[in-house]
Amino acid sequence: MNAGQLDAVLAAARRGARENFGVDVEFTEPEVQSLSALLGRVTSRDSSRWNDLSYDFKGGKGDRARLVKGYAAALRSDENSSTT
């Protein structure tokens, strides 16, 4: 994503937060992170655990029940942590 695209996404997020939640959101300048440095910190144990959590939408492979349960828990958590 280039700088202009990122600016557009952040502007849309600010507008959405203001229009939907009545809050003003500010973002700091983005930091450039090396993808290879981030991925270099992943251990084989991490990778193995993540494989168990992934779901292949096109192929329909993975634990769909766990996926749905995880999304439901995350949505409930977001509802409980929101403030206005």
PDB file of N, CA and C in Angstrom:
ATOM      1  N   MET A   1       0.863  -1.162   0.000  1.00  0.00           N
ATOM      2  CA  MET A   1       0.000   0.000   0.000  1.00  0.00           C
ATOM      3  C   MET A   1       0.913   1.230   0.000  1.00  0.00           C
ATOM      4  N   ASN A   2       0.647   2.148  -0.897  1.00  0.00           N
ATOM      5  CA  ASN A   2       1.484   3.345  -0.929  1.00  0.00           C
ATOM      6  C   ASN A   2       0.953   4.386   0.066  1.00  0.00           C
ATOM      7  N   ALA A   3       1.697   5.473   0.230  1.00  0.00           N
ATOM      8  CA  ALA A   3       1.348   6.489   1.233  1.00  0.00           C
ATOM      9  C   ALA A   3      -0.019   7.112   0.973  1.00  0.00           C
ATOM     10  N   GLY A   4      -0.361   7.355  -0.275  1.00  0.00           N
ATOM     11  CA  GLY A   4      -1.658   7.935  -0.607  1.00  0.00           C
ATOM     12  C   GLY A   4      -2.806   7.004  -0.261  1.00  0.00           C
ATOM     13  N   GLN A   5      -2.624   5.731  -0.547  1.00  0.00           N
ATOM     14  CA  GLN A   5      -3.661   4.749  -0.213  1.00  0.00           C
ATOM     15  C   GLN A   5      -3.835   4.638   1.297  1.00  0.00           C
ATOM     16  N   LEU A   6      -2.726   4.630   2.015  1.00  0.00           N
ATOM     17  CA  LEU A   6      -2.791   4.552   3.474  1.00  0.00           C
ATOM     18  C   LEU A   6      -3.487   5.778   4.050  1.00  0.00           C
ATOM     19  N   ASP A   7      -3.173   6.960   3.517  1.00  0.00           N
ATOM     20  CA  ASP A   7      -3.846   8.178   3.966  1.00  0.00           C
ATOM     21  C   ASP A   7      -5.357   8.097   3.751  1.00  0.00           C
ATOM     22  N   ALA A   8      -5.759   7.547   2.618  1.00  0.00           N
ATOM     23  CA  ALA A   8      -7.190   7.419   2.316  1.00  0.00           C
ATOM     24  C   ALA A   8      -7.869   6.449   3.283  1.00  0.00           C
ATOM     25  N   VAL A   9      -7.219   5.338   3.598  1.00  0.00           N
ATOM     26  CA  VAL A   9      -7.788   4.362   4.532  1.00  0.00           C
ATOM     27  C   VAL A   9      -7.935   4.980   5.922  1.00  0.00           C
ATOM     28  N   LEU A  10      -6.903   5.684   6.369  1.00  0.00           N
ATOM     29  CA  LEU A  10      -6.951   6.295   7.696  1.00  0.00           C
ATOM     30  C   LEU A  10      -7.992   7.414   7.759  1.00  0.00           C
ATOM     31  N   ALA A  11      -8.132   8.169   6.685  1.00  0.00           N
ATOM     32  CA  ALA A  11      -9.159   9.221   6.651  1.00  0.00           C
ATOM     33  C   ALA A  11     -10.552   8.603   6.727  1.00  0.00           C
ATOM     34  N   ALA A  12     -10.758   7.494   6.023  1.00  0.00           N
ATOM     35  CA  ALA A  12     -12.052   6.811   6.076  1.00  0.00           C
ATOM     36  C   ALA A  12     -12.313   6.270   7.481  1.00  0.00           C
ATOM     37  N   ALA A  13     -11.276   5.772   8.130  1.00  0.00           N
ATOM     38  CA  ALA A  13     -11.432   5.259   9.500  1.00  0.00           C
ATOM     39  C   ALA A  13     -11.790   6.390  10.460  1.00  0.00           C
ATOM     40  N   ARG A  14     -11.153   7.545  10.292  1.00  0.00           N
ATOM     41  CA  ARG A  14     -11.482   8.706  11.141  1.00  0.00           C
ATOM     42  C   ARG A  14     -12.932   9.124  10.947  1.00  0.00           C
ATOM     43  N   ARG A  15     -13.368   9.226   9.688  1.00  0.00           N
ATOM     44  CA  ARG A  15     -14.754   9.603   9.403  1.00  0.00           C
ATOM     45  C   ARG A  15     -15.723   8.569   9.972  1.00  0.00           C
ATOM     46  N   GLY A  16     -15.418   7.309   9.786  1.00  0.00           N
ATOM     47  CA  GLY A  16     -16.296   6.255  10.282  1.00  0.00           C
ATOM     48  C   GLY A  16     -16.425   6.291  11.794  1.00  0.00           C
ATOM     49  N   ALA A  17     -15.317   6.522  12.490  1.00  0.00           N
ATOM     50  CA  ALA A  17     -15.358   6.597  13.955  1.00  0.00           C
ATOM     51  C   ALA A  17     -16.182   7.797  14.407  1.00  0.00           C
ATOM     52  N   ARG A  18     -16.026   8.924  13.716  1.00  0.00           N
ATOM     53  CA  ARG A  18     -16.767  10.126  14.081  1.00  0.00           C
ATOM     54  C   ARG A  18     -18.258   9.947  13.802  1.00  0.00           C
ATOM     55  N   GLU A  19     -18.584   9.434  12.605  1.00  0.00           N
ATOM     56  CA  GLU A  19     -19.990   9.299  12.218  1.00  0.00           C
ATOM     57  C   GLU A  19     -20.718   8.211  13.004  1.00  0.00           C
ATOM     58  N   ASN A  20     -20.043   7.107  13.288  1.00  0.00           N
ATOM     59  CA  ASN A  20     -20.708   5.968  13.919  1.00  0.00           C
ATOM     60  C   ASN A  20     -20.609   5.946  15.434  1.00  0.00           C
ATOM     61  N   PHE A  21     -19.540   6.529  15.979  1.00  0.00           N
ATOM     62  CA  PHE A  21     -19.323   6.430  17.416  1.00  0.00           C
ATOM     63  C   PHE A  21     -19.176   7.784  18.107  1.00  0.00           C
ATOM     64  N   GLY A  22     -19.162   8.855  17.321  1.00  0.00           N
ATOM     65  CA  GLY A  22     -19.052  10.186  17.900  1.00  0.00           C
ATOM     66  C   GLY A  22     -17.705  10.474  18.542  1.00  0.00           C
ATOM     67  N   VAL A  23     -16.668   9.797  18.080  1.00  0.00           N
ATOM     68  CA  VAL A  23     -15.333  10.024  18.637  1.00  0.00           C
ATOM     69  C   VAL A  23     -14.378  10.466  17.537  1.00  0.00           C
ATOM     70  N   ASP A  24     -13.428  11.284  17.925  1.00  0.00           N
ATOM     71  CA  ASP A  24     -12.384  11.695  16.995  1.00  0.00           C
ATOM     72  C   ASP A  24     -11.170  10.800  17.205  1.00  0.00           C
ATOM     73  N   VAL A  25     -10.657  10.264  16.117  1.00  0.00           N
ATOM     74  CA  VAL A  25      -9.520   9.348  16.167  1.00  0.00           C
ATOM     75  C   VAL A  25      -8.345  10.001  15.458  1.00  0.00           C
ATOM     76  N   GLU A  26      -7.186   9.901  16.069  1.00  0.00           N
ATOM     77  CA  GLU A  26      -5.962  10.393  15.437  1.00  0.00           C
ATOM     78  C   GLU A  26      -4.986   9.242  15.312  1.00  0.00           C
ATOM     79  N   PHE A  27      -4.235   9.221  14.239  1.00  0.00           N
ATOM     80  CA  PHE A  27      -3.243   8.176  14.006  1.00  0.00           C
ATOM     81  C   PHE A  27      -1.853   8.802  14.002  1.00  0.00           C
ATOM     82  N   THR A  28      -0.901   8.081  14.553  1.00  0.00           N
ATOM     83  CA  THR A  28       0.493   8.528  14.479  1.00  0.00           C
ATOM     84  C   THR A  28       1.031   8.195  13.098  1.00  0.00           C
ATOM     85  N   GLU A  29       2.180   8.735  12.790  1.00  0.00           N
ATOM     86  CA  GLU A  29       2.812   8.415  11.512  1.00  0.00           C
ATOM     87  C   GLU A  29       3.134   6.919  11.487  1.00  0.00           C
ATOM     88  N   PRO A  30       2.868   6.259  10.380  1.00  0.00           N
ATOM     89  CA  PRO A  30       3.154   4.829  10.315  1.00  0.00           C
ATOM     90  C   PRO A  30       4.655   4.552  10.367  1.00  0.00           C
ATOM     91  N   GLU A  31       4.989   3.419  10.961  1.00  0.00           N
ATOM     92  CA  GLU A  31       6.383   2.971  10.995  1.00  0.00           C
ATOM     93  C   GLU A  31       6.566   1.909   9.924  1.00  0.00           C
ATOM     94  N   VAL A  32       7.670   1.991   9.232  1.00  0.00           N
ATOM     95  CA  VAL A  32       7.995   0.965   8.247  1.00  0.00           C
ATOM     96  C   VAL A  32       8.694  -0.173   8.985  1.00  0.00           C
ATOM     97  N   GLN A  33       8.162  -1.367   8.835  1.00  0.00           N
ATOM     98  CA  GLN A  33       8.736  -2.546   9.472  1.00  0.00           C
ATOM     99  C   GLN A  33       9.160  -3.518   8.375  1.00  0.00           C
ATOM    100  N   SER A  34      10.296  -4.118   8.555  1.00  0.00           N
ATOM    101  CA  SER A  34      10.775  -5.117   7.616  1.00  0.00           C
ATOM    102  C   SER A  34       9.984  -6.404   7.809  1.00  0.00           C
ATOM    103  N   LEU A  35       9.364  -6.870   6.753  1.00  0.00           N
ATOM    104  CA  LEU A  35       8.602  -8.103   6.840  1.00  0.00           C
ATOM    105  C   LEU A  35       9.508  -9.278   7.181  1.00  0.00           C
ATOM    106  N   SER A  36      10.691  -9.300   6.619  1.00  0.00           N
ATOM    107  CA  SER A  36      11.604 -10.407   6.918  1.00  0.00           C
ATOM    108  C   SER A  36      12.009 -10.402   8.387  1.00  0.00           C
ATOM    109  N   ALA A  37      12.147  -9.215   8.998  1.00  0.00           N
ATOM    110  CA  ALA A  37      12.487  -9.147  10.419  1.00  0.00           C
ATOM    111  C   ALA A  37      11.329  -9.652  11.271  1.00  0.00           C
ATOM    112  N   LEU A  38      10.112  -9.293  10.898  1.00  0.00           N
ATOM    113  CA  LEU A  38       8.943  -9.767  11.642  1.00  0.00           C
ATOM    114  C   LEU A  38       8.788 -11.279  11.509  1.00  0.00           C
ATOM    115  N   LEU A  39       8.904 -11.780  10.297  1.00  0.00           N
ATOM    116  CA  LEU A  39       8.746 -13.214  10.081  1.00  0.00           C
ATOM    117  C   LEU A  39       9.921 -13.999  10.658  1.00  0.00           C
ATOM    118  N   GLY A  40      11.057 -13.353  10.782  1.00  0.00           N
ATOM    119  CA  GLY A  40      12.222 -14.007  11.359  1.00  0.00           C
ATOM    120  C   GLY A  40      12.042 -14.339  12.826  1.00  0.00           C
ATOM    121  N   ARG A  41      11.109 -13.661  13.489  1.00  0.00           N
ATOM    122  CA  ARG A  41      10.860 -13.921  14.907  1.00  0.00           C
ATOM    123  C   ARG A  41       9.898 -15.086  15.126  1.00  0.00           C
ATOM    124  N   VAL A  42       9.286 -15.567  14.055  1.00  0.00           N
ATOM    125  CA  VAL A  42       8.328 -16.670  14.161  1.00  0.00           C
ATOM    126  C   VAL A  42       9.093 -17.975  14.383  1.00  0.00           C
ATOM    127  N   THR A  43       8.701 -18.688  15.419  1.00  0.00           N
ATOM    128  CA  THR A  43       9.326 -19.977  15.702  1.00  0.00           C
ATOM    129  C   THR A  43       8.553 -21.090  14.996  1.00  0.00           C
ATOM    130  N   SER A  44       9.146 -22.257  14.920  1.00  0.00           N
ATOM    131  CA  SER A  44       8.446 -23.386  14.301  1.00  0.00           C
ATOM    132  C   SER A  44       7.216 -23.745  15.124  1.00  0.00           C
ATOM    133  N   ARG A  45       7.287 -23.545  16.449  1.00  0.00           N
ATOM    134  CA  ARG A  45       6.123 -23.803  17.304  1.00  0.00           C
ATOM    135  C   ARG A  45       4.989 -22.831  16.964  1.00  0.00           C
ATOM    136  N   ASP A  46       5.330 -21.535  16.773  1.00  0.00           N
ATOM    137  CA  ASP A  46       4.328 -20.542  16.374  1.00  0.00           C
ATOM    138  C   ASP A  46       3.659 -20.963  15.070  1.00  0.00           C
ATOM    139  N   SER A  47       4.474 -21.310  14.110  1.00  0.00           N
ATOM    140  CA  SER A  47       3.970 -21.685  12.791  1.00  0.00           C
ATOM    141  C   SER A  47       3.037 -22.883  12.890  1.00  0.00           C
ATOM    142  N   SER A  48       3.414 -23.866  13.688  1.00  0.00           N
ATOM    143  CA  SER A  48       2.583 -25.052  13.866  1.00  0.00           C
ATOM    144  C   SER A  48       1.244 -24.692  14.498  1.00  0.00           C
ATOM    145  N   ARG A  49       1.269 -23.843  15.516  1.00  0.00           N
ATOM    146  CA  ARG A  49       0.022 -23.425  16.164  1.00  0.00           C
ATOM    147  C   ARG A  49      -0.853 -22.629  15.210  1.00  0.00           C
ATOM    148  N   TRP A  50      -0.252 -21.764  14.410  1.00  0.00           N
ATOM    149  CA  TRP A  50      -1.019 -20.953  13.472  1.00  0.00           C
ATOM    150  C   TRP A  50      -1.671 -21.813  12.407  1.00  0.00           C
ATOM    151  N   ASN A  51      -0.986 -22.869  11.981  1.00  0.00           N
ATOM    152  CA  ASN A  51      -1.578 -23.767  10.980  1.00  0.00           C
ATOM    153  C   ASN A  51      -2.857 -24.386  11.503  1.00  0.00           C
ATOM    154  N   ASP A  52      -2.893 -24.687  12.781  1.00  0.00           N
ATOM    155  CA  ASP A  52      -4.099 -25.247  13.378  1.00  0.00           C
ATOM    156  C   ASP A  52      -5.229 -24.228  13.427  1.00  0.00           C
ATOM    157  N   LEU A  53      -4.900 -22.946  13.431  1.00  0.00           N
ATOM    158  CA  LEU A  53      -5.906 -21.893  13.545  1.00  0.00           C
ATOM    159  C   LEU A  53      -6.401 -21.384  12.201  1.00  0.00           C
ATOM    160  N   SER A  54      -5.705 -21.729  11.130  1.00  0.00           N
ATOM    161  CA  SER A  54      -6.069 -21.183   9.833  1.00  0.00           C
ATOM    162  C   SER A  54      -7.262 -21.918   9.230  1.00  0.00           C
ATOM    163  N   TYR A  55      -7.950 -21.214   8.370  1.00  0.00           N
ATOM    164  CA  TYR A  55      -9.098 -21.796   7.666  1.00  0.00           C
ATOM    165  C   TYR A  55      -8.996 -21.409   6.204  1.00  0.00           C
ATOM    166  N   ASP A  56      -9.063 -22.385   5.320  1.00  0.00           N
ATOM    167  CA  ASP A  56      -8.978 -22.174   3.886  1.00  0.00           C
ATOM    168  C   ASP A  56     -10.387 -21.955   3.342  1.00  0.00           C
ATOM    169  N   PHE A  57     -10.746 -20.699   3.103  1.00  0.00           N
ATOM    170  CA  PHE A  57     -12.101 -20.382   2.654  1.00  0.00           C
ATOM    171  C   PHE A  57     -12.394 -20.947   1.273  1.00  0.00           C
ATOM    172  N   LYS A  58     -11.415 -20.907   0.377  1.00  0.00           N
ATOM    173  CA  LYS A  58     -11.649 -21.415  -0.978  1.00  0.00           C
ATOM    174  C   LYS A  58     -11.789 -22.928  -0.986  1.00  0.00           C
ATOM    175  N   GLY A  59     -10.933 -23.596  -0.248  1.00  0.00           N
ATOM    176  CA  GLY A  59     -10.956 -25.056  -0.235  1.00  0.00           C
ATOM    177  C   GLY A  59     -11.869 -25.646   0.825  1.00  0.00           C
ATOM    178  N   GLY A  60     -12.317 -24.796   1.758  1.00  0.00           N
ATOM    179  CA  GLY A  60     -13.182 -25.288   2.821  1.00  0.00           C
ATOM    180  C   GLY A  60     -12.468 -26.182   3.814  1.00  0.00           C
ATOM    181  N   LYS A  61     -11.147 -26.034   3.914  1.00  0.00           N
ATOM    182  CA  LYS A  61     -10.376 -26.888   4.816  1.00  0.00           C
ATOM    183  C   LYS A  61     -10.060 -26.152   6.108  1.00  0.00           C
ATOM    184  N   GLY A  62     -10.172 -26.849   7.199  1.00  0.00           N
ATOM    185  CA  GLY A  62      -9.892 -26.269   8.492  1.00  0.00           C
ATOM    186  C   GLY A  62     -11.066 -26.515   9.425  1.00  0.00           C
ATOM    187  N   ASP A  63     -10.919 -26.041  10.628  1.00  0.00           N
ATOM    188  CA  ASP A  63     -11.942 -26.250  11.650  1.00  0.00           C
ATOM    189  C   ASP A  63     -12.919 -25.070  11.611  1.00  0.00           C
ATOM    190  N   ARG A  64     -13.986 -25.216  10.825  1.00  0.00           N
ATOM    191  CA  ARG A  64     -14.948 -24.123  10.649  1.00  0.00           C
ATOM    192  C   ARG A  64     -15.642 -23.775  11.959  1.00  0.00           C
ATOM    193  N   ALA A  65     -15.950 -24.770  12.767  1.00  0.00           N
ATOM    194  CA  ALA A  65     -16.624 -24.517  14.041  1.00  0.00           C
ATOM    195  C   ALA A  65     -15.747 -23.649  14.934  1.00  0.00           C
ATOM    196  N   ARG A  66     -14.436 -23.926  14.955  1.00  0.00           N
ATOM    197  CA  ARG A  66     -13.525 -23.114  15.762  1.00  0.00           C
ATOM    198  C   ARG A  66     -13.444 -21.695  15.208  1.00  0.00           C
ATOM    199  N   LEU A  67     -13.450 -21.568  13.887  1.00  0.00           N
ATOM    200  CA  LEU A  67     -13.420 -20.253  13.259  1.00  0.00           C
ATOM    201  C   LEU A  67     -14.636 -19.434  13.688  1.00  0.00           C
ATOM    202  N   VAL A  68     -15.820 -20.019  13.584  1.00  0.00           N
ATOM    203  CA  VAL A  68     -17.052 -19.316  13.950  1.00  0.00           C
ATOM    204  C   VAL A  68     -17.040 -18.966  15.431  1.00  0.00           C
ATOM    205  N   LYS A  69     -16.639 -19.906  16.254  1.00  0.00           N
ATOM    206  CA  LYS A  69     -16.585 -19.676  17.702  1.00  0.00           C
ATOM    207  C   LYS A  69     -15.617 -18.534  18.029  1.00  0.00           C
ATOM    208  N   GLY A  70     -14.474 -18.523  17.354  1.00  0.00           N
ATOM    209  CA  GLY A  70     -13.489 -17.466  17.581  1.00  0.00           C
ATOM    210  C   GLY A  70     -14.003 -16.098  17.182  1.00  0.00           C
ATOM    211  N   TYR A  71     -14.663 -16.028  16.015  1.00  0.00           N
ATOM    212  CA  TYR A  71     -15.221 -14.746  15.586  1.00  0.00           C
ATOM    213  C   TYR A  71     -16.302 -14.275  16.543  1.00  0.00           C
ATOM    214  N   ALA A  72     -17.151 -15.197  16.988  1.00  0.00           N
ATOM    215  CA  ALA A  72     -18.225 -14.831  17.910  1.00  0.00           C
ATOM    216  C   ALA A  72     -17.639 -14.302  19.213  1.00  0.00           C
ATOM    217  N   ALA A  73     -16.602 -14.955  19.722  1.00  0.00           N
ATOM    218  CA  ALA A  73     -15.974 -14.503  20.969  1.00  0.00           C
ATOM    219  C   ALA A  73     -15.341 -13.127  20.783  1.00  0.00           C
ATOM    220  N   ALA A  74     -14.705 -12.918  19.651  1.00  0.00           N
ATOM    221  CA  ALA A  74     -14.079 -11.620  19.389  1.00  0.00           C
ATOM    222  C   ALA A  74     -15.118 -10.517  19.291  1.00  0.00           C
ATOM    223  N   LEU A  75     -16.233 -10.803  18.636  1.00  0.00           N
ATOM    224  CA  LEU A  75     -17.287  -9.802  18.522  1.00  0.00           C
ATOM    225  C   LEU A  75     -17.894  -9.490  19.882  1.00  0.00           C
ATOM    226  N   ARG A  76     -18.113 -10.516  20.699  1.00  0.00           N
ATOM    227  CA  ARG A  76     -18.635 -10.272  22.048  1.00  0.00           C
ATOM    228  C   ARG A  76     -17.645  -9.435  22.850  1.00  0.00           C
ATOM    229  N   SER A  77     -16.375  -9.736  22.716  1.00  0.00           N
ATOM    230  CA  SER A  77     -15.344  -9.002  23.438  1.00  0.00           C
ATOM    231  C   SER A  77     -15.326  -7.536  23.001  1.00  0.00           C
ATOM    232  N   ASP A  78     -15.444  -7.305  21.694  1.00  0.00           N
ATOM    233  CA  ASP A  78     -15.470  -5.934  21.177  1.00  0.00           C
ATOM    234  C   ASP A  78     -16.678  -5.184  21.685  1.00  0.00           C
ATOM    235  N   GLU A  79     -17.824  -5.840  21.750  1.00  0.00           N
ATOM    236  CA  GLU A  79     -19.038  -5.186  22.252  1.00  0.00           C
ATOM    237  C   GLU A  79     -18.871  -4.799  23.716  1.00  0.00           C
ATOM    238  N   ASN A  80     -18.226  -5.660  24.497  1.00  0.00           N
ATOM    239  CA  ASN A  80     -18.053  -5.398  25.914  1.00  0.00           C
ATOM    240  C   ASN A  80     -16.996  -4.338  26.200  1.00  0.00           C
ATOM    241  N   SER A  81     -16.060  -4.149  25.272  1.00  0.00           N
ATOM    242  CA  SER A  81     -14.989  -3.189  25.532  1.00  0.00           C
ATOM    243  C   SER A  81     -15.229  -1.834  24.910  1.00  0.00           C
ATOM    244  N   SER A  82     -16.309  -1.673  24.130  1.00  0.00           N
ATOM    245  CA  SER A  82     -16.552  -0.387  23.489  1.00  0.00           C
ATOM    246  C   SER A  82     -17.049   0.639  24.490  1.00  0.00           C
ATOM    247  N   THR A  83     -16.606   1.863  24.268  1.00  0.00           N
ATOM    248  CA  THR A  83     -17.053   2.967  25.111  1.00  0.00           C
ATOM    249  C   THR A  83     -17.593   4.071  24.247  1.00  0.00           C
ATOM    250  N   THR A  84     -18.533   4.804  24.769  1.00  0.00           N
ATOM    251  CA  THR A  84     -19.085   5.955  24.026  1.00  0.00           C
ATOM    252  C   THR A  84     -19.125   7.165  24.890  1.00  0.00           C
TER     253      THR A  84
END
